[in-house]
C-alpha atoms as a PDB file:
ATOM      1  CA  MET A   1     121.217 100.674 106.192  1.00  0.00           C
ATOM      2  CA  THR A   2     124.190 100.390 103.586  1.00  0.00           C
ATOM      3  CA  LYS A   3     125.062 104.118 102.116  1.00  0.00           C
ATOM      4  CA  THR A   4     123.910 104.300  98.793  1.00  0.00           C
ATOM      5  CA  VAL A   5     125.788 105.475  96.117  1.00  0.00           C
ATOM      6  CA  SER A   6     125.561 107.114  92.685  1.00  0.00           C
ATOM      7  CA  LEU A   7     127.273 108.375  89.637  1.00  0.00           C
ATOM      8  CA  GLN A   8     125.962 111.600  88.200  1.00  0.00           C
ATOM      9  CA  ILE A   9     126.283 110.789  84.147  1.00  0.00           C
ATOM     10  CA  ASN A  10     125.956 114.309  82.611  1.00  0.00           C
ATOM     11  CA  PRO A  11     129.128 115.816  84.299  1.00  0.00           C
ATOM     12  CA  LEU A  12     130.874 112.800  81.859  1.00  0.00           C
ATOM     13  CA  LEU A  13     129.135 113.715  78.781  1.00  0.00           C
ATOM     14  CA  ASN A  14     129.875 115.965  75.698  1.00  0.00           C
ATOM     15  CA  MET A  15     126.709 117.760  75.287  1.00  0.00           C
ATOM     16  CA  GLY A  16     124.563 115.588  77.156  1.00  0.00           C
ATOM     17  CA  HIS A  17     124.576 112.359  74.761  1.00  0.00           C
ATOM     18  CA  ALA A  18     125.740 109.282  75.899  1.00  0.00           C
ATOM     19  CA  ARG A  19     126.853 106.883  72.733  1.00  0.00           C
ATOM     20  CA  GLY A  20     128.757 103.755  72.334  1.00  0.00           C
ATOM     21  CA  VAL A  21     130.391 101.101  74.168  1.00  0.00           C
ATOM     22  CA  GLN A  22     133.412 102.032  75.104  1.00  0.00           C
ATOM     23  CA  LEU A  23     132.606 105.472  76.918  1.00  0.00           C
ATOM     24  CA  GLY A  24     129.678 102.738  78.589  1.00  0.00           C
ATOM     25  CA  LYS A  25     132.635 100.902  79.694  1.00  0.00           C
ATOM     26  CA  LEU A  26     134.395 103.913  81.013  1.00  0.00           C
ATOM     27  CA  HIS A  27     131.298 104.782  82.864  1.00  0.00           C
ATOM     28  CA  LEU A  28     130.613 100.861  84.155  1.00  0.00           C
ATOM     29  CA  GLU A  29     134.703 100.966  85.543  1.00  0.00           C
ATOM     30  CA  LYS A  30     133.964 104.036  87.468  1.00  0.00           C
ATOM     31  CA  MET A  31     130.473 103.221  89.237  1.00  0.00           C
ATOM     32  CA  LEU A  32     132.201  99.540  89.915  1.00  0.00           C
ATOM     33  CA  GLU A  33     135.331 101.771  91.556  1.00  0.00           C
ATOM     34  CA  ILE A  34     132.513 103.916  94.023  1.00  0.00           C
ATOM     35  CA  ILE A  35     130.612 100.168  94.768  1.00  0.00           C
ATOM     36  CA  GLY A  36     134.393  98.716  95.570  1.00  0.00           C
ATOM     37  CA  ARG A  37     133.668  95.255  97.141  1.00  0.00           C
ATOM     38  CA  GLY A  38     130.325  96.128  97.549  1.00  0.00           C
ATOM     39  CA  PRO A  39     128.436  95.156 101.390  1.00  0.00           C
ATOM     40  CA  HIS A  40     129.429  92.323 102.700  1.00  0.00           C
ATOM     41  CA  PRO A  41     126.374  89.032 101.220  1.00  0.00           C
ATOM     42  CA  ASP A  42     124.797  88.886 104.745  1.00  0.00           C
ATOM     43  CA  ALA A  43     124.441  92.389 104.908  1.00  0.00           C
ATOM     44  CA  PRO A  44     121.671  95.150 103.829  1.00  0.00           C
ATOM     45  CA  GLY A  45     122.221  95.610 100.126  1.00  0.00           C
ATOM     46  CA  GLN A  46     123.671  98.506  98.914  1.00  0.00           C
ATOM     47  CA  LEU A  47     121.537 101.028  96.311  1.00  0.00           C
ATOM     48  CA  VAL A  48     123.319 102.169  93.574  1.00  0.00           C
ATOM     49  CA  ILE A  49     122.088 104.972  91.465  1.00  0.00           C
ATOM     50  CA  TRP A  50     122.837 105.506  87.703  1.00  0.00           C
ATOM     51  CA  ASP A  51     122.006 109.214  87.534  1.00  0.00           C
ATOM     52  CA  PHE A  52     120.455 110.320  84.412  1.00  0.00           C
ATOM     53  CA  THR A  53     119.963 113.628  85.100  1.00  0.00           C
ATOM     54  CA  GLY A  54     120.497 116.604  82.343  1.00  0.00           C
ATOM     55  CA  VAL A  55     120.964 113.327  79.791  1.00  0.00           C
ATOM     56  CA  GLU A  56     119.582 114.278  76.811  1.00  0.00           C
ATOM     57  CA  SER A  57     120.338 110.698  74.634  1.00  0.00           C
ATOM     58  CA  ALA A  58     121.751 107.499  75.420  1.00  0.00           C
ATOM     59  CA  THR A  59     122.343 104.677  72.512  1.00  0.00           C
ATOM     60  CA  PHE A  60     121.510 101.118  72.978  1.00  0.00           C
ATOM     61  CA  SER A  61     125.031 100.364  73.226  1.00  0.00           C
ATOM     62  CA  TYR A  62     126.040 102.499  75.665  1.00  0.00           C
ATOM     63  CA  LEU A  63     122.813 102.036  78.342  1.00  0.00           C
ATOM     64  CA  LYS A  64     124.136  97.874  77.135  1.00  0.00           C
ATOM     65  CA  ALA A  65     127.172  98.479  78.882  1.00  0.00           C
ATOM     66  CA  THR A  66     126.607 100.425  81.554  1.00  0.00           C
ATOM     67  CA  VAL A  67     122.803  99.165  82.875  1.00  0.00           C
ATOM     68  CA  LEU A  68     122.813  96.123  81.689  1.00  0.00           C
ATOM     69  CA  SER A  69     126.433  95.072  82.609  1.00  0.00           C
ATOM     70  CA  LEU A  70     126.653  96.432  86.100  1.00  0.00           C
ATOM     71  CA  LEU A  71     122.602  93.827  86.534  1.00  0.00           C
ATOM     72  CA  ARG A  72     125.235  91.535  85.940  1.00  0.00           C
ATOM     73  CA  TYR A  73     127.650  92.167  87.756  1.00  0.00           C
ATOM     74  CA  SER A  74     124.485  92.290  90.519  1.00  0.00           C
ATOM     75  CA  GLY A  75     123.698  88.305  89.426  1.00  0.00           C
ATOM     76  CA  VAL A  76     121.071  88.556  87.318  1.00  0.00           C
ATOM     77  CA  THR A  77     121.143  86.444  84.345  1.00  0.00           C
ATOM     78  CA  ILE A  78     120.821  87.849  81.073  1.00  0.00           C
ATOM     79  CA  ASP A  79     120.728  86.604  77.639  1.00  0.00           C
ATOM     80  CA  GLY A  80     121.110  83.385  79.404  1.00  0.00           C
ATOM     81  CA  GLU A  81     125.049  84.545  80.552  1.00  0.00           C
ATOM     82  CA  ASP A  82     125.976  83.073  84.177  1.00  0.00           C
ATOM     83  CA  SER A  83     126.390  85.925  85.678  1.00  0.00           C
ATOM     84  CA  ARG A  84     128.942  84.003  88.269  1.00  0.00           C
ATOM     85  CA  LEU A  85     131.456  84.624  85.217  1.00  0.00           C
ATOM     86  CA  LEU A  86     132.297  87.857  86.718  1.00  0.00           C
ATOM     87  CA  GLY A  87     132.721  86.434  89.803  1.00  0.00           C
ATOM     88  CA  PRO A  88     131.001  86.119  93.223  1.00  0.00           C
ATOM     89  CA  PRO A  89     127.862  89.018  92.322  1.00  0.00           C
ATOM     90  CA  LEU A  90     128.307  92.109  94.208  1.00  0.00           C
ATOM     91  CA  ASN A  91     124.982  92.673  97.143  1.00  0.00           C
ATOM     92  CA  ILE A  92     123.760  95.826  95.256  1.00  0.00           C
ATOM     93  CA  PHE A  93     120.426  97.291  93.733  1.00  0.00           C
ATOM     94  CA  PRO A  94     121.077  98.842  90.820  1.00  0.00           C
ATOM     95  CA  VAL A  95     118.398 102.121  89.699  1.00  0.00           C
ATOM     96  CA  LEU A  96     117.501 104.541  87.558  1.00  0.00           C
ATOM     97  CA  PHE A  97     117.425 108.169  87.967  1.00  0.00           C
ATOM     98  CA  GLY A  98     116.306 111.331  85.866  1.00  0.00           C
ATOM     99  CA  LEU A  99     115.531 109.686  82.815  1.00  0.00           C
ATOM    100  CA  ASN A 100     113.911 112.281  79.905  1.00  0.00           C
ATOM    101  CA  THR A 101     111.576 110.351  77.379  1.00  0.00           C
ATOM    102  CA  GLU A 102     114.138 109.256  74.966  1.00  0.00           C
ATOM    103  CA  VAL A 103     116.453 107.832  77.601  1.00  0.00           C
ATOM    104  CA  ARG A 104     113.254 106.051  78.940  1.00  0.00           C
ATOM    105  CA  GLU A 105     112.069 104.693  75.705  1.00  0.00           C
ATOM    106  CA  GLU A 106     115.206 102.748  74.793  1.00  0.00           C
ATOM    107  CA  LEU A 107     115.744 101.754  77.833  1.00  0.00           C
ATOM    108  CA  ASP A 108     112.019 100.171  78.219  1.00  0.00           C
ATOM    109  CA  ILE A 109     113.005  98.601  74.428  1.00  0.00           C
ATOM    110  CA  LEU A 110     116.196  97.503  75.481  1.00  0.00           C
ATOM    111  CA  LEU A 111     115.546  95.409  78.830  1.00  0.00           C
ATOM    112  CA  ALA A 112     111.951  94.183  77.398  1.00  0.00           C
ATOM    113  CA  SER A 113     114.445  92.583  74.322  1.00  0.00           C
ATOM    114  CA  ARG A 114     116.223  90.741  77.574  1.00  0.00           C
ATOM    115  CA  LYS A 115     113.094  89.681  79.822  1.00  0.00           C
ATOM    116  CA  ILE A 116     114.729  92.080  82.421  1.00  0.00           C
ATOM    117  CA  PHE A 117     113.415  94.945  84.515  1.00  0.00           C
ATOM    118  CA  SER A 118     115.030  97.659  86.436  1.00  0.00           C
ATOM    119  CA  LEU A 119     113.458  99.753  89.257  1.00  0.00           C
ATOM    120  CA  GLU A 120     113.133 103.808  88.065  1.00  0.00           C
ATOM    121  CA  VAL A 121     113.135 106.175  90.619  1.00  0.00           C
ATOM    122  CA  ILE A 122     110.669 108.776  90.471  1.00  0.00           C
ATOM    123  CA  GLN A 123     110.693 110.421  93.447  1.00  0.00           C
ATOM    124  CA  PHE A 124     113.105 109.928  96.486  1.00  0.00           C
ATOM    125  CA  ASN A 125     111.687 110.426 100.001  1.00  0.00           C
ATOM    126  CA  LYS A 126     111.464 113.994 102.093  1.00  0.00           C
ATOM    127  CA  HIS A 127     114.572 116.042 102.622  1.00  0.00           C
ATOM    128  CA  ASN A 128     115.868 115.051  99.139  1.00  0.00           C
ATOM    129  CA  SER A 129     117.220 111.923 100.553  1.00  0.00           C
ATOM    130  CA  THR A 130     118.831 109.113  98.688  1.00  0.00           C
ATOM    131  CA  ASP A 131     118.330 106.243 101.268  1.00  0.00           C
ATOM    132  CA  ASN A 132     114.798 105.501 100.636  1.00  0.00           C
ATOM    133  CA  ILE A 133     112.560 106.066  97.708  1.00  0.00           C
ATOM    134  CA  SER A 134     109.008 107.113  98.084  1.00  0.00           C
ATOM    135  CA  ILE A 135     108.100 106.961  94.170  1.00  0.00           C
ATOM    136  CA  GLY A 136     109.048 104.275  91.754  1.00  0.00           C
ATOM    137  CA  GLU A 137     108.298 102.737  88.217  1.00  0.00           C
ATOM    138  CA  ILE A 138     109.234  99.347  86.482  1.00  0.00           C
ATOM    139  CA  ARG A 139     110.867  99.527  83.516  1.00  0.00           C
ATOM    140  CA  GLY A 140     111.297  96.903  80.627  1.00  0.00           C
ATOM    141  CA  GLY A 141     109.179  94.308  79.579  1.00  0.00           C
ATOM    142  CA  GLU A 142     105.125  94.146  80.768  1.00  0.00           C
ATOM    143  CA  ASP A 143     104.726  91.155  82.696  1.00  0.00           C
ATOM    144  CA  LYS A 144     100.979  90.598  84.569  1.00  0.00           C
ATOM    145  CA  VAL A 145     102.629  88.252  87.702  1.00  0.00           C
ATOM    146  CA  VAL A 146     106.020  90.824  88.257  1.00  0.00           C
ATOM    147  CA  MET A 147     103.769  93.688  88.786  1.00  0.00           C
ATOM    148  CA  GLU A 148     101.522  92.489  91.026  1.00  0.00           C
ATOM    149  CA  THR A 149     103.768  90.975  93.173  1.00  0.00           C
ATOM    150  CA  VAL A 150     105.925  94.503  93.140  1.00  0.00           C
ATOM    151  CA  ARG A 151     102.748  96.305  93.673  1.00  0.00           C
ATOM    152  CA  ALA A 152     101.720  93.896  97.008  1.00  0.00           C
ATOM    153  CA  LEU A 153     105.008  93.959  98.226  1.00  0.00           C
ATOM    154  CA  SER A 154     105.413  98.220  98.283  1.00  0.00           C
ATOM    155  CA  LYS A 155     102.277  97.833  99.717  1.00  0.00           C
ATOM    156  CA  ALA A 156     103.404  95.616 102.519  1.00  0.00           C
ATOM    157  CA  LYS A 157     106.892  97.323 102.966  1.00  0.00           C
ATOM    158  CA  SER A 158     107.863  93.648 104.023  1.00  0.00           C
ATOM    159  CA  ALA A 159     106.635  90.251 104.129  1.00  0.00           C
ATOM    160  CA  THR A 160     106.976  87.107 104.131  1.00  0.00           C
ATOM    161  CA  ALA A 161     105.535  84.694 101.301  1.00  0.00           C
ATOM    162  CA  SER A 162     102.906  83.571 103.343  1.00  0.00           C
ATOM    163  CA  GLU A 163     101.958  87.193 104.439  1.00  0.00           C
ATOM    164  CA  LEU A 164     101.850  88.365 101.053  1.00  0.00           C
ATOM    165  CA  GLN A 165      99.429  85.752  99.932  1.00  0.00           C
ATOM    166  CA  LYS A 166      97.271  86.846 102.732  1.00  0.00           C
ATOM    167  CA  LEU A 167      97.232  90.416 102.461  1.00  0.00           C
ATOM    168  CA  SER A 168      96.741  90.430  98.573  1.00  0.00           C
ATOM    169  CA  LYS A 169      93.994  87.705  98.577  1.00  0.00           C
ATOM    170  CA  SER A 170      95.497  86.259  95.661  1.00  0.00           C
ATOM    171  CA  PRO A 171      94.208  82.742  94.401  1.00  0.00           C
ATOM    172  CA  ALA A 172      97.597  81.859  94.110  1.00  0.00           C
ATOM    173  CA  GLY A 173      99.689  79.753  96.548  1.00  0.00           C
ATOM    174  CA  VAL A 174     102.545  80.593  99.037  1.00  0.00           C
ATOM    175  CA  THR A 175     104.511  78.368  97.254  1.00  0.00           C
ATOM    176  CA  ALA A 176     103.672  80.548  93.867  1.00  0.00           C
ATOM    177  CA  TRP A 177     104.291  83.431  95.914  1.00  0.00           C
ATOM    178  CA  ASN A 178     108.064  82.306  97.503  1.00  0.00           C
ATOM    179  CA  ASN A 179     108.419  81.791  93.849  1.00  0.00           C
ATOM    180  CA  ARG A 180     107.119  85.210  92.678  1.00  0.00           C
ATOM    181  CA  LEU A 181     109.476  86.621  95.202  1.00  0.00           C
ATOM    182  CA  ALA A 182     112.510  84.963  95.008  1.00  0.00           C
ATOM    183  CA  TYR A 183     111.849  85.898  91.219  1.00  0.00           C
ATOM    184  CA  LEU A 184     111.775  89.949  92.152  1.00  0.00           C
ATOM    185  CA  TYR A 185     115.264  89.123  94.505  1.00  0.00           C
ATOM    186  CA  MET A 186     116.570  87.673  91.415  1.00  0.00           C
ATOM    187  CA  LEU A 187     115.616  90.443  89.772  1.00  0.00           C
ATOM    188  CA  ARG A 188     117.102  93.073  91.978  1.00  0.00           C
ATOM    189  CA  LEU A 189     113.608  94.784  92.681  1.00  0.00           C
ATOM    190  CA  ALA A 190     113.264  93.327  96.136  1.00  0.00           C
ATOM    191  CA  ARG A 191     115.523  92.882  99.609  1.00  0.00           C
ATOM    192  CA  ARG A 192     115.765  90.182 101.121  1.00  0.00           C
ATOM    193  CA  ARG A 193     116.816  89.114 104.772  1.00  0.00           C
ATOM    194  CA  LYS A 194     116.796  86.030 107.065  1.00  0.00           C
ATOM    195  CA  TYR A 195     114.681  85.629 110.670  1.00  0.00           C
ATOM    196  CA  GLU A 196     114.814  82.586 111.777  1.00  0.00           C
ATOM    197  CA  ARG A 197     113.602  80.047 109.380  1.00  0.00           C
ATOM    198  CA  GLN A 198     111.293  82.504 107.251  1.00  0.00           C
ATOM    199  CA  LEU A 199     112.587  84.729 104.438  1.00  0.00           C
ATOM    200  CA  ILE A 200     111.452  88.151 104.737  1.00  0.00           C
ATOM    201  CA  TYR A 201     111.172  90.321 101.316  1.00  0.00           C
ATOM    202  CA  GLU A 202     111.475  94.190 101.442  1.00  0.00           C
ATOM    203  CA  SER A 203     110.296  96.730  98.804  1.00  0.00           C
ATOM    204  CA  LEU A 204     112.960  98.882  97.251  1.00  0.00           C
ATOM    205  CA  SER A 205     110.553 101.260  96.369  1.00  0.00           C
ATOM    206  CA  SER A 206     107.162 102.710  99.170  1.00  0.00           C
ATOM    207  CA  SER A 207     104.834 102.666  96.059  1.00  0.00           C
ATOM    208  CA  ILE A 208     104.903 102.086  92.813  1.00  0.00           C
ATOM    209  CA  LYS A 209     103.168 103.905  89.836  1.00  0.00           C
END
């Protein structure tokens, strides 16, 4: 597994408040320096953690310059903007950690307004390892299909569309599950690898709240 990287935001702030686009751009640059070129496209994607532990508040402009911008660098299309204008997408999976209620609410509103989602880490696995997420929660808007797919994949841990369709006992066909899983991958909510002629999707988290 590719090594997880993170950026602790609070030590970079004045009095625990993350405000403004310029500060956000500086923190994005720091994160991109940590990531570098990222893993090879054929390698397992890298988990990248925005660590908000101790951050009391964050403005929309700051969150847009950090969280949304990094999602763009990972290949997520936001507001119809082609992420390829930033160059080849980084093989990364950005997640959030240490959110308080205020920052969580701001992020939910911002993500929902763009109709995108992000994974908040509620708990890492034992021994405080940041390589595996034991409990996660989806931030952003409410989308029944996205939530159903994320939860089904987290229960299976890894699966093809055909396997997940059978496990879920859903009336949706295999093609629909292929589309659902491809959408999760596009949102960076699931990993994907190819085995022979099949695409196998892997959950980022062992369970979803």
